[in-house]
Protein backbone atom coordinates (compact mmCIF):
# COMPACT_ATOMS: atom_id res chain seq x y z
CA MET A 1 0.22 -0.04 -0.41
CA ILE A 2 0.94 3.72 -0.78
CA ARG A 3 0.38 6.35 1.21
CA ASN A 4 -0.07 9.58 -1.02
CA ASP A 5 -1.18 11.64 2.24
CA LEU A 6 2.27 11.31 3.43
CA ARG A 7 5.51 12.60 2.70
CA ASN A 8 9.12 12.45 5.23
CA ILE A 9 11.78 14.58 4.03
CA ALA A 10 15.20 15.98 5.78
CA ILE A 11 16.57 19.08 4.93
CA ILE A 12 20.77 18.48 4.46
CA ALA A 13 23.15 20.73 3.85
CA HIS A 14 26.79 22.62 5.65
CA VAL A 15 26.76 24.97 8.21
CA ASP A 16 25.05 28.37 7.64
CA HIS A 17 23.60 27.51 4.15
CA GLY A 18 20.22 28.23 5.50
CA LYS A 19 18.24 25.20 6.38
CA THR A 20 16.44 26.46 9.76
CA THR A 21 15.70 29.81 7.85
CA LEU A 22 13.84 27.68 5.07
CA VAL A 23 12.14 25.55 7.64
CA ASP A 24 10.89 28.69 9.26
CA GLU A 25 9.12 30.08 5.71
CA MET A 26 7.84 26.40 4.95
CA LEU A 27 6.07 26.54 8.45
CA LYS A 28 4.54 29.84 7.72
CA GLN A 29 3.26 29.25 4.24
CA GLY A 30 2.28 25.60 5.67
CA GLY A 31 -0.46 27.18 7.71
CA VAL A 32 1.36 26.22 11.10
CA TYR A 33 0.58 29.94 12.68
CA ARG A 34 -2.27 32.05 13.05
CA GLU A 35 -2.47 35.32 10.78
CA ASN A 36 -1.69 37.52 14.01
CA GLN A 37 0.49 35.21 15.71
CA THR A 38 4.32 36.42 16.33
CA VAL A 39 6.81 34.53 15.39
CA VAL A 40 10.35 34.47 16.40
CA ASP A 41 13.19 33.82 13.84
CA ARG A 42 14.68 30.19 13.33
CA VAL A 43 11.73 28.78 15.63
CA MET A 44 13.25 24.91 15.09
CA ASP A 45 16.51 26.42 16.90
CA SER A 46 14.85 25.85 20.46
CA ASN A 47 17.86 25.37 22.70
CA ASP A 48 19.64 28.38 24.21
CA LEU A 49 22.79 27.05 22.77
CA GLU A 50 21.59 27.08 19.39
CA ARG A 51 19.92 30.48 19.32
CA GLU A 52 23.01 32.05 20.80
CA ARG A 53 25.60 30.59 18.22
CA GLY A 54 23.13 30.77 15.46
CA ILE A 55 23.46 26.67 14.60
CA THR A 56 21.59 23.46 15.03
CA ILE A 57 23.05 21.37 17.34
CA LEU A 58 19.93 18.79 17.36
CA ALA A 59 17.87 17.25 14.75
CA LYS A 60 14.46 18.76 15.03
CA ASN A 61 11.40 17.31 13.83
CA THR A 62 8.20 19.27 12.45
CA ALA A 63 5.15 18.84 9.84
CA VAL A 64 3.37 21.07 7.43
CA GLN A 65 0.07 20.39 5.73
CA TYR A 66 -0.11 21.01 1.91
CA LYS A 67 -3.01 20.08 -0.61
CA GLY A 68 -4.14 17.41 1.80
CA THR A 69 -0.71 15.48 2.36
CA LYS A 70 1.12 15.59 5.59
CA ILE A 71 4.89 16.36 5.02
CA ASN A 72 6.95 15.31 7.94
CA ILE A 73 10.09 17.80 7.94
CA VAL A 74 13.34 16.73 9.82
CA ASP A 75 15.74 20.04 10.17
CA THR A 76 19.58 18.71 10.33
CA PRO A 77 22.49 19.91 11.90
CA GLY A 78 24.98 21.28 9.36
CA HIS A 79 28.17 21.25 11.68
CA ALA A 80 30.84 18.07 11.16
CA ASP A 81 30.50 17.69 14.53
CA PHE A 82 27.11 16.77 14.75
CA GLY A 83 27.06 14.17 11.78
CA GLY A 84 26.21 11.49 14.02
CA GLU A 85 22.60 13.38 14.27
CA VAL A 86 22.36 13.75 10.49
CA GLU A 87 23.18 9.92 9.78
CA ARG A 88 20.42 8.70 12.12
CA ILE A 89 17.86 10.92 10.83
CA LEU A 90 18.26 9.86 7.06
CA LYS A 91 16.91 6.42 8.23
CA MET A 92 13.82 8.08 9.04
CA VAL A 93 12.62 9.65 5.57
CA ASN A 94 12.47 8.56 1.99
CA GLY A 95 14.20 11.60 0.12
CA VAL A 96 16.25 14.80 0.95
CA ILE A 97 16.46 18.68 0.37
CA LEU A 98 19.85 19.55 -0.49
CA LEU A 99 20.50 22.94 0.27
CA VAL A 100 23.77 24.73 -1.42
CA ASP A 101 24.62 28.41 -0.82
CA ALA A 102 24.28 30.53 -4.26
CA ALA A 103 28.04 32.12 -3.18
CA GLU A 104 29.63 29.57 -1.26
CA GLY A 105 28.72 26.40 -3.31
CA PRO A 106 29.19 22.92 -2.13
CA MET A 107 31.54 22.89 1.45
CA PRO A 108 33.08 19.69 3.11
CA GLN A 109 29.97 19.03 5.39
CA THR A 110 27.58 18.91 1.97
CA ARG A 111 29.96 16.29 0.51
CA PHE A 112 29.31 14.31 3.97
CA VAL A 113 25.61 14.80 4.01
CA LEU A 114 25.26 14.13 0.70
CA SER A 115 27.12 10.94 0.26
CA LYS A 116 25.11 9.38 3.10
CA ALA A 117 21.80 10.23 1.40
CA LEU A 118 23.08 8.57 -1.93
CA GLU A 119 24.37 5.54 -0.17
CA LEU A 120 20.78 5.28 1.34
CA GLY A 121 19.35 5.27 -2.43
CA HIS A 122 17.22 8.61 -1.29
CA ARG A 123 15.91 10.89 -3.85
CA VAL A 124 17.42 14.30 -3.66
CA ILE A 125 16.11 17.71 -4.50
CA VAL A 126 18.89 20.47 -5.05
CA VAL A 127 17.89 23.91 -3.72
CA VAL A 128 20.26 26.67 -4.65
CA ASN A 129 19.55 28.86 -1.53
CA LYS A 130 20.48 32.55 -0.88
CA ILE A 131 19.92 33.71 -4.49
CA ASP A 132 19.46 37.04 -3.40
CA ARG A 133 22.80 37.54 -2.28
CA PRO A 134 24.99 40.16 -4.01
CA ASP A 135 27.98 37.99 -4.70
CA GLN A 136 25.71 34.96 -5.86
CA ARG A 137 27.77 32.81 -8.72
CA ILE A 138 24.53 30.56 -9.50
CA HIS A 139 25.61 28.69 -12.66
CA GLU A 140 28.99 27.96 -11.19
CA VAL A 141 27.74 26.86 -8.16
CA VAL A 142 25.05 24.17 -10.60
CA ASP A 143 28.27 23.13 -12.13
CA GLU A 144 29.62 22.64 -8.69
CA VAL A 145 26.90 20.33 -7.58
CA LEU A 146 26.69 18.09 -10.42
CA GLU A 147 30.34 17.74 -10.35
CA LEU A 148 30.06 16.66 -6.46
CA LEU A 149 27.18 13.97 -7.63
CA LEU A 150 29.53 12.76 -10.02
CA ASP A 151 32.29 12.41 -7.49
CA LEU A 152 29.98 10.36 -5.11
CA ASN A 153 28.63 8.01 -7.92
CA ALA A 154 25.35 9.30 -7.93
CA THR A 155 22.80 7.10 -10.10
CA GLN A 156 21.46 8.39 -13.20
CA GLU A 157 18.08 9.31 -11.16
CA GLN A 158 19.98 10.84 -8.48
CA PHE A 159 22.14 12.66 -11.34
CA ASP A 160 18.97 14.08 -12.69
CA SER A 161 17.37 15.49 -9.36
CA PRO A 162 15.43 18.68 -9.84
CA MET A 163 17.06 21.54 -9.17
CA LEU A 164 15.04 24.73 -7.40
CA PHE A 165 16.16 28.33 -6.74
CA CYS A 166 15.45 29.85 -3.32
CA SER A 167 15.80 32.48 -0.93
CA GLY A 168 14.67 31.06 2.40
CA ARG A 169 14.80 34.50 4.16
CA ASN A 170 12.40 36.08 1.71
CA GLY A 171 10.62 32.70 1.07
CA THR A 172 10.44 32.42 -2.51
CA ALA A 173 11.50 29.50 -4.61
CA SER A 174 11.59 29.01 -8.35
CA TYR A 175 12.28 26.50 -11.15
CA SER A 176 14.71 28.98 -13.04
CA PRO A 177 17.00 31.01 -11.86
CA GLU A 178 16.27 33.96 -14.00
CA THR A 179 12.80 34.22 -12.81
CA ALA A 180 12.15 35.40 -9.28
CA GLY A 181 9.71 33.57 -6.91
CA THR A 182 6.51 34.89 -5.26
CA ASP A 183 6.43 32.19 -2.59
CA LEU A 184 7.55 28.51 -1.81
CA GLN A 185 4.70 26.85 -3.74
CA PRO A 186 7.09 25.25 -6.54
CA LEU A 187 9.33 23.61 -3.30
CA PHE A 188 6.14 21.95 -1.95
CA ASP A 189 4.86 20.80 -5.57
CA THR A 190 8.63 19.56 -5.85
CA ILE A 191 8.16 17.43 -2.87
CA LEU A 192 4.87 16.06 -3.68
CA ASP A 193 5.98 15.01 -7.29
CA TYR A 194 9.67 13.82 -6.30
CA ILE A 195 9.66 12.40 -3.20
CA PRO A 196 8.19 9.01 -2.83
CA ALA A 197 5.15 8.28 -0.67
CA PRO A 198 6.24 6.03 1.93
CA GLU A 199 5.24 2.20 0.41
CA VAL A 200 3.97 0.21 3.74
CA ASP A 201 2.00 -2.70 4.31
CA PRO A 202 -0.40 -1.73 7.75
CA ASP A 203 -1.59 -4.95 8.53
CA ALA A 204 1.57 -6.53 8.64
CA PRO A 205 3.08 -7.21 12.66
CA PHE A 206 4.15 -3.42 14.02
CA GLN A 207 8.01 -2.78 13.59
CA MET A 208 10.03 0.89 14.24
CA LEU A 209 13.48 1.67 14.22
CA VAL A 210 14.48 4.53 17.18
CA SER A 211 16.26 7.13 15.19
CA SER A 212 16.30 9.45 18.06
CA ILE A 213 15.68 10.29 21.67
CA ASP A 214 14.04 12.95 23.51
CA TYR A 215 14.21 13.43 27.41
CA ASN A 216 11.49 14.81 29.56
CA GLU A 217 11.73 15.05 33.29
CA PHE A 218 8.02 13.75 34.00
CA VAL A 219 7.82 10.95 31.55
CA GLY A 220 11.48 9.88 30.81
CA ARG A 221 12.70 8.87 27.39
CA ILE A 222 10.74 9.55 24.52
CA ALA A 223 11.66 7.32 21.26
CA ILE A 224 11.36 8.88 17.92
CA GLY A 225 11.05 7.18 14.82
CA ARG A 226 9.09 5.94 11.67
CA ILE A 227 6.71 2.94 11.99
CA GLU A 228 8.00 0.60 9.07
CA ARG A 229 4.94 -1.56 8.87
CA GLY A 230 1.86 -2.18 11.06
CA THR A 231 -0.18 -0.39 13.39
CA ILE A 232 0.16 0.42 17.08
CA LYS A 233 -2.31 1.48 19.38
CA GLN A 234 -2.25 3.09 22.93
CA ASN A 235 -1.08 0.76 25.91
CA GLN A 236 -0.50 -1.62 23.10
CA GLU A 237 1.74 -4.65 24.17
CA ILE A 238 5.38 -4.12 22.63
CA VAL A 239 8.94 -5.86 22.50
CA VAL A 240 12.02 -4.11 22.32
CA CYS A 241 15.17 -5.58 20.77
CA ASN A 242 18.29 -4.90 19.15
CA TYR A 243 19.84 -6.03 15.54
CA HIS A 244 23.69 -5.11 16.74
CA ALA A 245 23.16 -6.66 20.02
CA PRO A 246 21.73 -10.02 20.04
CA GLU A 247 22.66 -10.77 23.28
CA LYS A 248 20.63 -7.83 24.60
CA VAL A 249 17.55 -9.64 26.18
CA SER A 250 14.55 -8.49 24.38
CA LYS A 251 11.61 -6.91 27.03
CA LYS A 252 8.16 -6.45 27.13
CA CYS A 253 6.77 -3.13 27.70
CA LYS A 254 3.72 -1.05 26.87
CA ALA A 255 3.22 1.86 24.62
CA VAL A 256 1.82 4.38 27.39
CA SER A 257 1.39 7.46 24.95
CA LEU A 258 2.08 8.05 21.23
CA TYR A 259 2.39 11.50 19.63
CA THR A 260 2.24 12.77 16.12
CA PHE A 261 4.33 15.89 15.04
CA ASP A 262 1.87 18.55 13.99
CA GLY A 263 3.89 22.33 13.27
CA LEU A 264 5.78 22.65 16.31
CA ALA A 265 3.67 20.67 18.64
CA ARG A 266 3.42 17.14 19.48
CA THR A 267 -0.18 15.73 19.31
CA ALA A 268 -1.53 13.24 21.37
CA ILE A 269 -3.06 9.83 19.51
CA THR A 270 -4.64 6.87 20.17
CA GLU A 271 -3.35 5.17 16.89
CA ALA A 272 -0.59 5.43 14.32
CA SER A 273 -0.07 3.33 11.07
CA ALA A 274 3.12 2.65 8.95
CA GLY A 275 4.78 5.44 7.22
CA ASN A 276 4.11 7.91 9.87
CA ILE A 277 6.83 9.62 12.18
CA ILE A 278 5.57 9.34 15.37
CA ALA A 279 7.12 9.64 19.51
CA MET A 280 6.38 7.17 21.96
CA ASN A 281 7.10 7.08 25.69
CA GLY A 282 6.84 4.16 28.49
CA ILE A 283 10.20 2.36 27.98
CA GLY A 284 12.53 3.22 30.40
CA ASP A 285 16.02 2.46 29.17
CA ILE A 286 15.05 2.46 25.25
CA THR A 287 18.33 3.88 23.07
CA ILE A 288 18.82 4.90 19.42
CA GLY A 289 19.12 1.90 17.15
CA ASP A 290 16.84 -0.33 19.06
CA THR A 291 13.74 -1.70 17.33
CA ILE A 292 10.31 -1.48 18.72
CA CYS A 293 7.90 -4.89 17.73
CA ASP A 294 4.86 -6.67 18.03
CA PRO A 295 5.22 -9.41 20.61
CA ALA A 296 4.24 -11.98 17.84
CA ALA A 297 7.14 -10.96 15.38
CA VAL A 298 10.43 -10.23 17.08
CA GLU A 299 12.38 -9.03 14.12
CA PRO A 300 15.12 -6.12 14.89
CA LEU A 301 16.64 -4.01 12.14
CA SER A 302 19.68 -2.79 11.28
CA PHE A 303 21.11 0.36 12.18
CA VAL A 304 23.08 3.06 10.33
CA LYS A 305 26.81 2.62 11.68
CA ILE A 306 27.44 5.91 13.47
CA SER A 307 31.32 7.13 12.53
CA ALA A 308 33.65 6.56 15.25
CA PRO A 309 34.87 9.47 17.54
CA THR A 310 38.20 11.07 16.42
CA ILE A 311 39.17 13.37 19.42
CA GLU A 312 38.70 12.78 23.35
CA MET A 313 39.22 14.71 26.41
CA THR A 314 39.74 14.11 30.26
CA PHE A 315 36.86 15.26 32.44
CA SER A 316 37.74 15.21 36.16
CA VAL A 317 36.49 16.33 39.37
CA ASN A 318 37.77 19.75 40.19
CA ASP A 319 40.51 19.72 42.66
CA GLY A 320 41.79 23.23 42.63
CA PRO A 321 42.18 25.48 45.53
CA PHE A 322 38.87 27.09 44.28
CA ALA A 323 36.97 24.02 44.15
CA GLY A 324 33.37 23.99 45.27
CA ARG A 325 32.84 27.39 45.34
CA ASP A 326 30.61 28.08 42.54
CA GLY A 327 29.42 24.60 41.37
CA LYS A 328 25.97 22.92 42.75
CA TYR A 329 27.41 19.66 41.11
CA VAL A 330 30.99 18.95 42.23
CA THR A 331 31.43 14.89 43.13
CA SER A 332 32.64 12.38 41.10
CA ARG A 333 29.31 10.29 41.21
CA GLN A 334 27.52 13.37 39.82
CA LEU A 335 29.58 14.14 37.12
CA ARG A 336 29.56 10.29 35.93
CA GLU A 337 26.00 10.27 36.27
CA ARG A 338 25.60 13.60 34.03
CA LEU A 339 28.30 12.04 31.18
CA PHE A 340 26.39 8.59 30.96
CA ARG A 341 22.98 10.67 30.64
CA GLU A 342 24.33 12.73 27.96
CA THR A 343 25.30 9.02 25.71
CA LEU A 344 21.78 8.57 26.14
CA LYS A 345 20.59 11.05 23.35
CA ASP A 346 24.10 11.43 21.92
CA VAL A 347 25.27 8.47 19.69
CA SER A 348 28.52 9.89 18.67
CA LEU A 349 29.80 10.51 22.36
CA ARG A 350 31.56 7.94 24.00
CA ILE A 351 32.73 7.63 27.75
CA SER A 352 34.98 5.83 29.41
CA GLU A 353 36.24 5.27 33.25
CA LEU A 354 39.98 5.66 33.26
CA PRO A 355 41.20 2.29 34.91
CA ASP A 356 43.95 4.16 37.75
CA SER A 357 41.48 6.61 38.72
CA THR A 358 37.66 6.94 40.34
CA ASP A 359 37.39 10.72 39.58
CA SER A 360 38.30 11.12 36.03
CA PHE A 361 36.64 9.85 32.53
CA ASN A 362 37.67 9.92 28.84
CA VAL A 363 35.22 11.73 26.65
CA ALA A 364 35.72 10.99 23.00
CA GLY A 365 33.58 12.93 20.48
CA ARG A 366 33.38 14.04 16.51
CA GLY A 367 35.45 17.43 17.44
CA GLU A 368 36.21 20.29 19.60
CA MET A 369 32.97 21.98 19.03
CA HIS A 370 31.02 18.90 19.70
CA LEU A 371 32.88 18.53 23.16
CA SER A 372 32.95 22.31 23.81
CA ILE A 373 28.97 22.07 23.37
CA LEU A 374 28.77 19.70 26.30
CA ILE A 375 31.01 21.36 28.27
CA GLU A 376 28.89 24.66 27.65
CA THR A 377 25.86 22.97 28.48
CA MET A 378 27.06 21.15 31.87
CA ARG A 379 28.45 24.26 32.76
CA ARG A 380 24.92 25.93 32.75
CA GLU A 381 23.65 23.34 34.55
CA GLY A 382 25.21 24.12 37.32
CA TYR A 383 28.77 21.44 37.54
CA GLU A 384 32.10 22.00 38.25
CA PHE A 385 34.84 20.12 36.73
CA GLN A 386 38.32 20.14 34.85
CA VAL A 387 39.31 19.10 31.40
CA SER A 388 42.47 18.25 29.98
CA PRO A 389 44.00 19.51 26.22
CA ALA A 390 41.87 17.47 23.49
CA ARG A 391 43.80 14.76 22.01
CA VAL A 392 43.28 12.50 18.67
CA LEU A 393 42.14 9.10 18.62
CA TYR A 394 45.06 7.22 16.68
CA LYS A 395 44.33 3.73 14.97
CA GLU A 396 46.55 1.14 14.12
CA ILE A 397 45.77 -0.40 10.28
CA ASP A 398 47.98 -3.16 9.37
CA GLY A 399 50.75 -2.19 11.97
CA VAL A 400 50.70 1.03 11.05
CA LYS A 401 50.14 4.27 13.54
CA CYS A 402 47.04 6.24 11.52
CA GLU A 403 45.76 9.37 12.43
CA PRO A 404 42.36 11.06 11.63
CA MET A 405 42.46 13.42 8.69
CA GLU A 406 40.27 16.48 8.02
CA ARG A 407 39.28 17.87 4.71
CA LEU A 408 39.79 21.68 5.22
CA VAL A 409 38.43 24.22 2.63
CA VAL A 410 39.23 27.77 3.40
CA ASP A 411 37.85 30.92 1.33
CA VAL A 412 40.08 33.60 1.85
CA PRO A 413 41.11 37.16 0.10
CA ALA A 414 43.50 36.55 -2.35
CA ASP A 415 46.35 38.49 -0.52
CA CYS A 416 46.12 36.53 2.55
CA VAL A 417 46.46 33.09 0.82
CA GLY A 418 50.09 33.05 1.15
CA SER A 419 50.28 33.00 5.15
CA VAL A 420 47.24 30.23 5.06
CA ILE A 421 49.53 27.97 3.15
CA GLU A 422 52.56 28.58 5.11
CA LYS A 423 51.03 27.91 8.49
CA MET A 424 49.18 24.55 6.66
CA GLY A 425 52.54 23.23 5.69
CA SER A 426 53.98 23.61 9.33
CA ARG A 427 50.86 21.73 10.48
CA LYS A 428 51.64 19.00 8.20
CA GLY A 429 48.37 20.05 5.71
CA GLU A 430 48.83 18.91 2.05
CA MET A 431 47.36 21.30 -0.44
CA LEU A 432 44.56 19.31 -2.48
CA GLU A 433 43.47 22.25 -4.89
CA MET A 434 42.97 26.09 -5.24
CA THR A 435 40.31 27.94 -7.18
CA PRO A 436 39.95 31.70 -7.68
CA VAL A 437 36.46 32.81 -7.05
CA GLY A 438 36.30 36.67 -7.86
CA ASN A 439 38.94 38.29 -5.44
CA ARG A 440 39.05 35.55 -2.97
CA MET A 441 40.70 31.97 -2.96
CA LYS A 442 38.95 28.61 -2.36
CA VAL A 443 41.66 26.08 -1.13
CA GLU A 444 41.30 22.99 -0.27
CA PHE A 445 43.75 21.00 2.24
CA LEU A 446 44.07 17.51 3.65
CA VAL A 447 45.46 18.16 7.56
CA PRO A 448 45.83 16.07 10.69
CA SER A 449 43.02 16.69 12.94
CA ARG A 450 45.58 17.65 15.72
CA GLY A 451 47.07 20.01 13.05
CA LEU A 452 43.79 22.39 13.54
CA PHE A 453 43.97 22.52 17.12
CA GLY A 454 44.33 26.24 17.92
CA TYR A 455 44.34 27.39 14.47
CA ARG A 456 41.33 29.09 14.31
CA ASN A 457 42.48 32.58 16.09
CA GLU A 458 45.57 32.21 14.04
CA PHE A 459 43.70 31.51 10.86
CA LEU A 460 41.32 34.95 11.58
CA THR A 461 44.28 36.81 12.40
CA ASP A 462 46.14 35.94 9.26
CA THR A 463 42.92 36.54 7.40
CA LYS A 464 42.04 39.92 8.75
CA GLY A 465 38.50 38.50 10.00
CA GLU A 466 37.55 37.92 6.27
CA GLY A 467 38.20 34.05 6.50
CA ILE A 468 35.88 31.23 6.26
CA MET A 469 37.05 27.82 7.11
CA ALA A 470 35.28 24.57 7.24
CA SER A 471 36.56 21.28 7.69
CA VAL A 472 35.04 17.65 8.02
CA PHE A 473 36.69 14.00 8.77
CA ASP A 474 38.02 12.53 5.49
CA SER A 475 39.99 9.11 6.30
CA TYR A 476 42.66 7.93 8.69
CA ALA A 477 46.30 8.03 7.10
CA PRO A 478 50.10 7.09 8.59
CA PHE A 479 50.95 9.35 11.35
CA LYS A 480 52.39 12.40 9.84
CA GLY A 481 55.06 13.39 12.68
CA GLU A 482 55.14 15.76 15.49
CA VAL A 483 53.02 19.19 15.02
CA THR A 484 53.93 22.01 17.53
CA ARG A 485 50.75 22.65 19.22
CA ARG A 486 51.52 26.16 20.58
CA ASN A 487 54.31 28.37 20.02
CA THR A 488 53.78 30.70 23.19
CA GLY A 489 54.27 30.56 26.88
CA SER A 490 51.99 31.12 29.72
CA LEU A 491 52.38 33.84 32.66
CA ILE A 492 51.70 31.77 35.57
CA SER A 493 51.24 33.27 38.81
CA PHE A 494 53.33 33.09 41.84
CA GLU A 495 51.23 32.69 44.73
CA THR A 496 47.28 32.74 46.02
CA GLY A 497 45.47 35.94 46.45
CA GLU A 498 43.95 38.55 45.05
CA SER A 499 45.07 40.50 41.62
CA VAL A 500 46.09 44.21 42.42
CA ALA A 501 46.84 47.01 39.39
CA TYR A 502 51.02 47.21 40.62
CA GLY A 503 51.50 43.41 39.95
CA LEU A 504 49.61 43.33 37.02
CA PHE A 505 51.40 46.45 35.71
CA ASN A 506 54.69 44.65 36.04
CA ALA A 507 53.13 41.84 34.67
CA GLN A 508 51.98 43.09 31.55
CA GLU A 509 55.59 43.69 30.24
CA ARG A 510 55.93 40.21 29.69
CA GLY A 511 52.93 39.83 27.47
CA ALA A 512 49.28 39.71 27.42
CA LEU A 513 46.82 39.29 30.40
CA PHE A 514 43.97 37.39 30.75
CA ILE A 515 42.53 39.05 33.83
CA GLY A 516 42.07 42.53 35.66
CA PRO A 517 42.79 43.65 39.25
CA GLY A 518 40.76 42.54 41.75
CA VAL A 519 40.71 38.56 40.36
CA ASP A 520 40.94 35.83 43.15
CA VAL A 521 44.23 33.75 41.77
CA TYR A 522 46.32 31.01 43.14
CA GLU A 523 49.75 29.67 42.54
CA GLY A 524 49.69 27.59 39.32
CA MET A 525 47.08 29.40 37.53
CA VAL A 526 48.00 30.92 34.17
CA VAL A 527 46.96 34.87 34.23
CA GLY A 528 48.12 35.52 30.51
CA MET A 529 50.27 34.38 27.73
CA THR A 530 54.02 35.19 26.48
CA PRO A 531 55.17 35.61 23.46
CA LYS A 532 58.33 33.50 24.46
CA ALA A 533 58.41 29.89 23.71
CA GLU A 534 58.96 29.08 27.80
CA ASP A 535 56.44 29.80 31.01
CA ILE A 536 57.25 32.67 33.01
CA ILE A 537 56.36 32.87 36.65
CA VAL A 538 54.85 36.43 37.54
CA ASN A 539 53.55 37.87 41.10
CA VAL A 540 49.91 39.44 40.14
CA CYS A 541 49.12 39.99 44.01
CA LYS A 542 52.41 42.16 44.61
CA ARG A 543 51.09 45.29 46.19
CA LYS A 544 53.62 48.70 46.20
CA GLN A 545 56.08 48.48 49.36
CA LEU A 546 54.86 51.84 51.50
CA THR A 547 57.00 53.72 53.60
CA ASN A 548 56.99 57.25 55.66
CA MET A 549 58.77 58.57 52.30
CA ARG A 550 56.56 57.33 49.92
CA ALA A 551 52.75 57.66 49.74
CA ALA A 552 50.35 55.33 48.26
CA GLY A 553 49.68 58.04 45.12
CA SER A 554 53.07 59.60 44.92
CA ASP A 555 53.83 57.59 41.76
CA GLU A 556 52.80 58.35 38.36
CA ALA A 557 49.14 56.77 37.77
CA LEU A 558 49.37 53.09 36.19
CA ARG A 559 47.88 52.12 33.29
CA LEU A 560 46.83 48.85 32.66
CA THR A 561 46.08 47.42 29.16
CA PRO A 562 42.16 45.67 28.87
CA PRO A 563 42.68 42.02 29.93
CA ARG A 564 41.96 39.21 26.87
CA GLN A 565 38.77 37.77 27.32
CA MET A 566 38.81 34.15 26.54
CA SER A 567 36.05 32.42 25.22
CA LEU A 568 35.55 28.21 26.28
CA GLU A 569 36.42 27.55 22.89
CA GLN A 570 39.70 29.91 22.71
CA CYS A 571 40.57 28.24 26.39
CA MET A 572 40.22 24.96 25.08
CA GLU A 573 42.36 25.87 22.12
CA PHE A 574 45.25 27.61 24.48
CA LEU A 575 45.83 24.53 26.76
CA THR A 576 48.83 22.62 26.17
CA ASP A 577 49.70 19.22 27.62
CA ASP A 578 51.03 20.08 31.16
CA GLU A 579 47.65 22.57 31.45
CA LEU A 580 44.45 21.78 32.65
CA LEU A 581 40.98 24.28 31.90
CA GLU A 582 38.94 24.55 35.22
CA VAL A 583 35.15 24.99 34.22
CA THR A 584 32.63 26.46 36.90
CA PRO A 585 29.10 27.97 36.25
CA SER A 586 30.76 31.43 36.70
CA HIS A 587 34.59 30.99 35.84
CA LEU A 588 36.97 29.87 33.12
CA ARG A 589 40.42 29.45 34.80
CA ILE A 590 43.82 27.74 32.89
CA ARG A 591 46.14 26.18 35.49
CA LYS A 592 49.14 23.89 35.37
CA GLN A 593 48.44 20.17 36.11
CA ILE A 594 50.87 20.62 39.02
CA LEU A 595 50.37 23.83 40.89
CA ASN A 596 53.87 24.47 42.80
CA GLY A 597 56.43 25.65 40.53
CA GLN A 598 59.05 23.41 42.31
CA LEU A 599 57.46 20.68 41.91
CA ARG A 600 56.54 21.81 38.17
CA MET A 601 60.66 22.25 37.76
CA LYS A 602 61.38 18.73 39.09
CA ASN A 603 58.96 17.02 37.59
CA LYS A 604 60.25 18.56 33.91
CA PHE A 605 63.79 18.22 34.88
CA GLY A 606 63.16 14.66 36.23
CA GLY A 607 64.50 15.86 39.66
CA LYS A 608 68.05 16.23 38.42
CA ASN A 609 69.64 19.44 39.60
CA ARG A 610 71.04 21.78 36.62
CA ALA A 611 74.58 22.35 36.42
């Protein structure tokens, strides 16, 4: 049976190519809102962090009605670090809308998400978005998309995919780049005509693959997926099993509540049939990749293999002198519970306990942003902990030590390209191709993941803030040799106390400071950066010695350079191998692993006295 009243699609694209904005307009024109209703921009980015950063982190489900057909839409993240979200969502849909920026063209993540969609045999609607940009180059971008489809071995049908030209912000779509559209009707019509309706068997025993998990404090975990076959009713008995873990005992449960997606809301229903995307609660420890079946036919479905993590960090209990001042959750038990809870909804995260420590955990993810989002989320929830510098995960392939490589695309002004190529060379990057685009250059590199640690700030400086860089995991390749992580040193506090202007004035001659006066510091805390390649100990708590001949205000006024405010990502990039980042709800402090200066020197020189 073919469900002509239903279409399931995902919107996939590189970061910032306009997925969430286009979904906004589809919802408006799909009649989800009342005429007088006030609507926020990027309504699908419901999470605080998503709205602040202007990125999508979690895939979201929504639906619109068009000409009597319900179109289920999944908005997916564009960042490579959240690729795990995209991979599993593609199992829920029958086709995809591939969005490509009319100026930037296909980028690394475009290649990644499109390859996953083509592997699953999905039909693709190509949408060239942002055609109203002054620097648009529509015809070149169309050629680049066709080249990408050829590169990825698309079938003849996929190569002949329909192509539309949109402005997501203005809510217009047209079949030709020359004629401007008036609304999104061409896009809706193409979805109905080209994306296949689900072919289902409503009379077969019920079966559904869990592709996403939501969490609610009142009802616990909520399983989201597409019904493959059969029908489910509220309070029906079901069995949970897993294809990739046959040893996991199948257990019986009840479908306590069922929900369907309607606009931005979830609507409670009593029955749902094959082809629909639904949410279900009542199963305590359901995880992504589980199959929910009818007890009469327990047949698990295979699940897409999620790409393995490429970098890891060590999360540990805060043991610094100021531990416990800010945080609500500070113990190893609370840290452990929170980290393992995150793995329930984030399939590309791996947590392991260290064998020689009870209060440290290795957390492996898909990239620095993936882990920084987790750190920021935990920080806002009131957790206090320490993290180590990021490390790449090596693999042994045929007896050779291999490391993860990233495909990096940079778009920079033509006069800055030399310094970028030079920096990439020192970081073991290999240039693949260079294409001029107007007065800018688009350069593609293959570079070790560790070569990108701490590079973003340097890149922005080298390109005067005008460069765009994007990378995606490419493959594992033999180890490329040592890469210098940082060629600057740290300014380290000499003692515990409160920073004062006099001490800071003397310290700022040595480098750039991260703190101002009146800040609590402790011995071993990093308070600044020096251009020299070695660490320098400074006393920022030093006060002016006063005598009966020398009054407090008799010297000239001290002029302090404003301190450099470091964001979480900048702190993570700054860390060297012997440093840690102390994360609390209200502070980010960089510190040495060994706080005492003498012990640090002994450790560095192996306890030997220098001649």
